[in-house]
């Protein structure tokens, strides 16, 4: 999901600059489950169906989420979610990535993103529960508060992936406009993630020798 989270970070970058790092458990309980008055749509993304859900409220914040089946076994999907090596290719505008803190269950990642003529620096706190869930948090006085969670579970066709995010902007911007930007960026990130999972599944079939069975 870190591939997904870094695509989400581009959408947040449109709102402002960097973020302080806060220690402590990231609570995403409110994101998990149905949201009141949510809108649900289905999109075809890179040969796969994605169930998209959203809710925009000027008072309660902006909710966005997606559910889909990744075409690889859970272990491979988790490995894909852990790969930072092609961040620039995955997310247009990314200039650099710095891991400030790293452990099996917690990371702090700083990204420099170029938006128009400005380079913005964002710092994300990430918590992991391998191989079931990843949560992230971004808090900044200029941007607001941004939370996200992604869950993985076995599925007969690969791995079920459930994503959910919540954003409370610090400045007044039309919620519908922000939601539109999030939808575009998140679906783009999902597309790249699905492609990477297909590649991982092909390698799994190839075996240690890297030769696909006939």
Protein backbone atom coordinates (compact mmCIF):
# COMPACT_ATOMS: atom_id res chain seq x y z
CA UNK A 1 0.00 0.00 0.00
CA UNK A 2 2.93 2.33 0.34
CA UNK A 3 2.85 2.57 -3.46
CA UNK A 4 -0.74 3.65 -3.05
CA UNK A 5 -0.03 5.98 -0.17
CA UNK A 6 2.68 7.80 -2.06
CA UNK A 7 0.25 8.40 -4.94
CA UNK A 8 -2.20 9.80 -2.42
CA UNK A 9 0.51 12.13 -1.15
CA UNK A 10 0.52 13.99 -4.46
CA UNK A 11 -3.10 14.95 -3.96
CA UNK A 12 -2.33 16.26 -0.48
CA UNK A 13 0.63 18.20 -1.85
CA UNK A 14 -1.76 20.45 -3.72
CA UNK A 15 -2.92 21.81 -0.37
CA UNK A 16 0.34 23.03 1.18
CA UNK A 17 3.74 22.28 2.68
CA UNK A 18 5.46 19.72 4.95
CA UNK A 19 4.29 18.08 8.17
CA UNK A 20 5.47 17.51 11.69
CA UNK A 21 5.95 13.92 12.81
CA UNK A 22 3.82 12.69 15.69
CA UNK A 23 4.50 9.51 17.63
CA UNK A 24 1.69 7.24 18.76
CA UNK A 25 -0.79 4.80 17.33
CA UNK A 26 -2.64 5.92 14.22
CA UNK A 27 -6.36 5.46 14.87
CA UNK A 28 -8.34 4.82 11.67
CA UNK A 29 -11.39 3.19 13.28
CA UNK A 30 -13.74 5.85 11.90
CA UNK A 31 -12.60 5.10 8.34
CA UNK A 32 -13.38 1.39 8.45
CA UNK A 33 -16.94 0.46 7.52
CA UNK A 34 -19.63 2.35 5.63
CA UNK A 35 -19.80 6.14 5.89
CA UNK A 36 -23.15 7.96 6.25
CA UNK A 37 -24.44 9.26 2.90
CA UNK A 38 -21.53 7.78 1.00
CA UNK A 39 -21.65 7.55 -2.79
CA UNK A 40 -20.49 4.34 -4.45
CA UNK A 41 -19.32 3.90 -8.04
CA UNK A 42 -17.60 1.14 -10.00
CA UNK A 43 -14.65 1.81 -12.29
CA UNK A 44 -12.66 -0.45 -14.58
CA UNK A 45 -8.98 0.13 -13.83
CA UNK A 46 -6.36 -1.80 -15.80
CA UNK A 47 -8.63 -4.77 -16.54
CA UNK A 48 -9.91 -4.91 -12.96
CA UNK A 49 -13.07 -3.63 -11.29
CA UNK A 50 -12.63 -1.10 -8.51
CA UNK A 51 -15.44 -0.22 -6.12
CA UNK A 52 -15.01 3.45 -5.29
CA UNK A 53 -16.78 5.20 -2.41
CA UNK A 54 -16.68 8.82 -1.32
CA UNK A 55 -18.23 11.46 0.85
CA UNK A 56 -17.48 15.19 0.95
CA UNK A 57 -18.57 17.39 3.84
CA UNK A 58 -17.30 20.88 4.66
CA UNK A 59 -17.88 20.17 8.35
CA UNK A 60 -16.82 16.52 8.74
CA UNK A 61 -14.10 16.30 6.12
CA UNK A 62 -13.51 14.36 2.92
CA UNK A 63 -13.74 10.58 2.80
CA UNK A 64 -12.44 8.53 -0.14
CA UNK A 65 -11.88 4.80 -0.48
CA UNK A 66 -11.55 1.90 -2.88
CA UNK A 67 -11.89 -1.87 -2.86
CA UNK A 68 -10.42 -4.23 -5.45
CA UNK A 69 -8.76 -7.61 -5.89
CA UNK A 70 -5.04 -7.61 -6.61
CA UNK A 71 -3.94 -10.45 -8.95
CA UNK A 72 -1.25 -11.93 -6.69
CA UNK A 73 -1.02 -13.88 -3.46
CA UNK A 74 -0.97 -11.87 -0.19
CA UNK A 75 2.77 -12.31 0.38
CA UNK A 76 3.59 -10.90 -3.05
CA UNK A 77 1.11 -8.04 -2.69
CA UNK A 78 2.69 -7.12 0.61
CA UNK A 79 6.14 -7.15 -1.00
CA UNK A 80 4.89 -4.82 -3.73
CA UNK A 81 3.51 -2.47 -1.10
CA UNK A 82 6.95 -2.36 0.54
CA UNK A 83 8.85 -1.29 -2.60
CA UNK A 84 9.98 2.35 -2.75
CA UNK A 85 12.50 1.92 -5.56
CA UNK A 86 10.35 3.25 -8.42
CA UNK A 87 8.60 6.08 -6.61
CA UNK A 88 9.41 8.62 -9.30
CA UNK A 89 7.86 6.44 -12.01
CA UNK A 90 4.80 5.68 -9.90
CA UNK A 91 3.93 9.28 -9.01
CA UNK A 92 4.55 12.19 -11.39
CA UNK A 93 6.23 15.13 -9.66
CA UNK A 94 8.13 13.13 -7.04
CA UNK A 95 11.69 14.45 -6.90
CA UNK A 96 13.10 12.62 -3.89
CA UNK A 97 12.19 10.25 -1.09
CA UNK A 98 13.99 10.04 2.25
CA UNK A 99 13.27 7.41 4.89
CA UNK A 100 13.77 9.22 8.19
CA UNK A 101 12.86 6.29 10.43
CA UNK A 102 12.35 2.61 9.67
CA UNK A 103 11.44 -0.50 11.65
CA UNK A 104 9.32 -3.58 10.89
CA UNK A 105 6.20 -1.80 12.18
CA UNK A 106 6.85 1.93 11.74
CA UNK A 107 8.32 4.25 9.11
CA UNK A 108 8.65 8.00 8.73
CA UNK A 109 9.00 8.99 5.07
CA UNK A 110 9.73 12.44 3.65
CA UNK A 111 8.88 13.22 0.02
CA UNK A 112 9.72 16.24 -2.11
CA UNK A 113 6.99 16.81 -4.70
CA UNK A 114 7.03 19.40 -7.45
CA UNK A 115 3.63 20.97 -8.10
CA UNK A 116 3.64 23.63 -10.81
CA UNK A 117 6.58 25.90 -9.90
CA UNK A 118 6.88 24.90 -6.23
CA UNK A 119 8.60 21.96 -4.56
CA UNK A 120 6.68 20.82 -1.50
CA UNK A 121 8.03 18.66 1.31
CA UNK A 122 5.65 16.21 2.99
CA UNK A 123 6.41 13.91 5.90
CA UNK A 124 4.25 10.83 6.43
CA UNK A 125 4.12 8.62 9.48
CA UNK A 126 3.38 5.00 8.54
CA UNK A 127 2.43 2.08 10.80
CA UNK A 128 2.42 -1.51 9.60
CA UNK A 129 0.73 -4.68 10.79
CA UNK A 130 2.37 -7.22 8.43
CA UNK A 131 0.88 -8.60 6.31
CA UNK A 132 -2.63 -7.39 7.12
CA UNK A 133 -2.71 -3.59 7.25
CA UNK A 134 -0.86 -0.32 6.74
CA UNK A 135 -1.93 3.02 8.22
CA UNK A 136 -0.54 6.48 7.56
CA UNK A 137 -0.93 9.97 8.98
CA UNK A 138 -0.01 13.47 7.85
CA UNK A 139 -0.66 16.45 10.14
CA UNK A 140 0.27 20.03 9.33
CA UNK A 141 -1.05 23.45 10.35
CA UNK A 142 -1.21 24.61 6.73
CA UNK A 143 -2.64 21.40 5.25
CA UNK A 144 -4.82 19.95 7.97
CA UNK A 145 -5.09 16.29 8.95
CA UNK A 146 -4.91 13.36 6.55
CA UNK A 147 -5.35 9.72 7.59
CA UNK A 148 -5.40 6.50 5.62
CA UNK A 149 -5.64 2.74 6.05
CA UNK A 150 -5.22 -0.17 3.67
CA UNK A 151 -6.15 -3.75 4.56
CA UNK A 152 -5.12 -6.95 2.78
CA UNK A 153 -6.83 -10.33 3.04
CA UNK A 154 -6.70 -13.60 1.06
CA UNK A 155 -9.10 -13.92 -1.89
CA UNK A 156 -9.74 -16.80 -4.28
CA UNK A 157 -8.47 -14.62 -7.15
CA UNK A 158 -5.50 -13.15 -5.29
CA UNK A 159 -5.67 -10.58 -2.51
CA UNK A 160 -8.57 -8.38 -1.47
CA UNK A 161 -7.46 -4.79 -0.90
CA UNK A 162 -9.55 -2.25 1.00
CA UNK A 163 -8.42 1.37 1.17
CA UNK A 164 -9.93 4.30 3.05
CA UNK A 165 -8.75 7.88 3.59
CA UNK A 166 -9.98 10.96 5.43
CA UNK A 167 -8.88 14.55 4.95
CA UNK A 168 -9.83 17.61 6.99
CA UNK A 169 -8.29 20.59 5.16
CA UNK A 170 -6.88 23.44 7.23
CA UNK A 171 -8.03 25.99 4.65
CA UNK A 172 -11.38 26.48 2.97
CA UNK A 173 -11.44 24.71 -0.39
CA UNK A 174 -14.53 23.35 -2.11
CA UNK A 175 -14.81 19.74 -0.84
CA UNK A 176 -16.02 18.51 -4.22
CA UNK A 177 -12.92 19.91 -5.93
CA UNK A 178 -10.58 18.20 -3.47
CA UNK A 179 -12.51 14.95 -3.82
CA UNK A 180 -12.20 15.09 -7.61
CA UNK A 181 -8.42 15.46 -7.32
CA UNK A 182 -8.21 12.59 -4.84
CA UNK A 183 -10.25 10.32 -7.09
CA UNK A 184 -8.00 10.97 -10.07
CA UNK A 185 -4.76 10.48 -8.11
CA UNK A 186 -5.93 7.42 -6.17
CA UNK A 187 -7.26 5.59 -9.24
CA UNK A 188 -4.00 6.34 -11.04
CA UNK A 189 -2.07 4.89 -8.11
CA UNK A 190 -4.30 1.80 -8.04
CA UNK A 191 -3.65 1.25 -11.74
CA UNK A 192 0.11 1.25 -11.21
CA UNK A 193 -0.25 -0.96 -8.15
CA UNK A 194 -2.26 -3.53 -10.11
CA UNK A 195 0.35 -3.57 -12.87
CA UNK A 196 3.06 -4.20 -10.29
CA UNK A 197 1.03 -7.03 -8.77
CA UNK A 198 0.64 -8.65 -12.18
CA UNK A 199 4.42 -8.55 -12.60
CA UNK A 200 4.88 -10.07 -9.14
CA UNK A 201 2.42 -12.85 -9.95
CA UNK A 202 4.32 -13.65 -13.16
CA UNK A 203 7.56 -13.94 -11.21
CA UNK A 204 5.86 -16.24 -8.71
CA UNK A 205 4.83 -18.54 -11.56
CA UNK A 206 8.31 -18.43 -13.05
CA UNK A 207 9.84 -19.88 -9.89
CA UNK A 208 13.40 -19.45 -8.58
CA UNK A 209 14.96 -19.94 -12.01
CA UNK A 210 12.90 -17.08 -13.47
CA UNK A 211 11.55 -19.29 -16.26
CA UNK A 212 7.82 -19.32 -16.92
CA UNK A 213 6.32 -22.83 -17.16
CA UNK A 214 5.11 -23.93 -20.59
